[in-house]
Amino acid sequence: MATKGIGRVQIDISQTARRRIGVGALAIIAILAWAWWDGGEEPMRPITQTIELPGTAQ
């Protein structure tokens, strides 16, 4: 008898492991959501500081 597709593998995971995985996934999602909301960019500001050039560059 041939089986179709890939068989399912059952893995027993404890409740504490499931909770840790869930908390870790929520933390990653929260960090990614904050980074998306923040955008990481600041508005551009013109440089208003004058600099002295050497005599040959003027």
Protein backbone atom coordinates (compact mmCIF):
# COMPACT_ATOMS: atom_id res chain seq x y z
CA MET A 1 0.00 0.00 0.00
CA ALA A 2 1.46 3.37 -1.04
CA THR A 3 1.06 6.46 1.09
CA LYS A 4 0.36 9.84 -0.42
CA GLY A 5 2.40 12.89 0.57
CA ILE A 6 4.65 13.18 3.54
CA GLY A 7 3.53 11.51 6.74
CA ARG A 8 2.95 13.55 9.87
CA VAL A 9 5.46 13.35 12.66
CA GLN A 10 4.09 13.83 16.15
CA ILE A 11 6.40 15.57 18.60
CA ASP A 12 5.56 15.78 22.29
CA ILE A 13 6.38 19.22 23.70
CA SER A 14 5.82 20.09 27.35
CA GLN A 15 3.56 22.96 28.40
CA THR A 16 6.52 25.01 29.67
CA ALA A 17 8.33 24.60 26.35
CA ARG A 18 5.21 25.67 24.46
CA ARG A 19 4.85 28.69 26.73
CA ARG A 20 8.51 29.67 26.24
CA ILE A 21 8.18 29.35 22.47
CA GLY A 22 5.00 31.45 22.55
CA VAL A 23 6.57 34.15 24.72
CA GLY A 24 9.66 34.24 22.49
CA ALA A 25 7.53 34.53 19.36
CA LEU A 26 5.47 37.35 20.91
CA ALA A 27 8.65 39.18 21.91
CA ILE A 28 10.04 38.94 18.38
CA ILE A 29 6.74 40.12 16.89
CA ALA A 30 6.61 43.03 19.36
CA ILE A 31 10.19 44.10 18.49
CA LEU A 32 9.48 43.90 14.76
CA ALA A 33 6.22 45.86 15.16
CA TRP A 34 8.01 48.57 17.17
CA ALA A 35 10.81 48.78 14.58
CA TRP A 36 8.26 49.07 11.76
CA TRP A 37 6.32 51.78 13.63
CA ASP A 38 9.46 53.71 14.59
CA GLY A 39 10.86 53.62 11.07
CA GLY A 40 14.40 54.27 12.27
CA GLU A 41 14.72 57.47 10.28
CA GLU A 42 15.14 61.03 11.45
CA PRO A 43 14.29 64.10 9.39
CA MET A 44 17.23 65.56 7.48
CA ARG A 45 18.73 68.76 8.84
CA PRO A 46 21.09 71.03 6.93
CA ILE A 47 24.65 71.31 8.21
CA THR A 48 25.17 74.88 9.38
CA GLN A 49 28.71 74.54 10.68
CA THR A 50 31.51 76.28 8.78
CA ILE A 51 34.86 74.58 8.37
CA GLU A 52 38.32 75.98 7.69
CA LEU A 53 40.01 74.76 4.51
CA PRO A 54 43.78 74.67 4.03
CA GLY A 55 45.31 77.46 1.94
CA THR A 56 45.80 75.31 -1.21
CA ALA A 57 42.20 74.05 -1.25
CA GLN A 58 40.71 77.56 -1.30
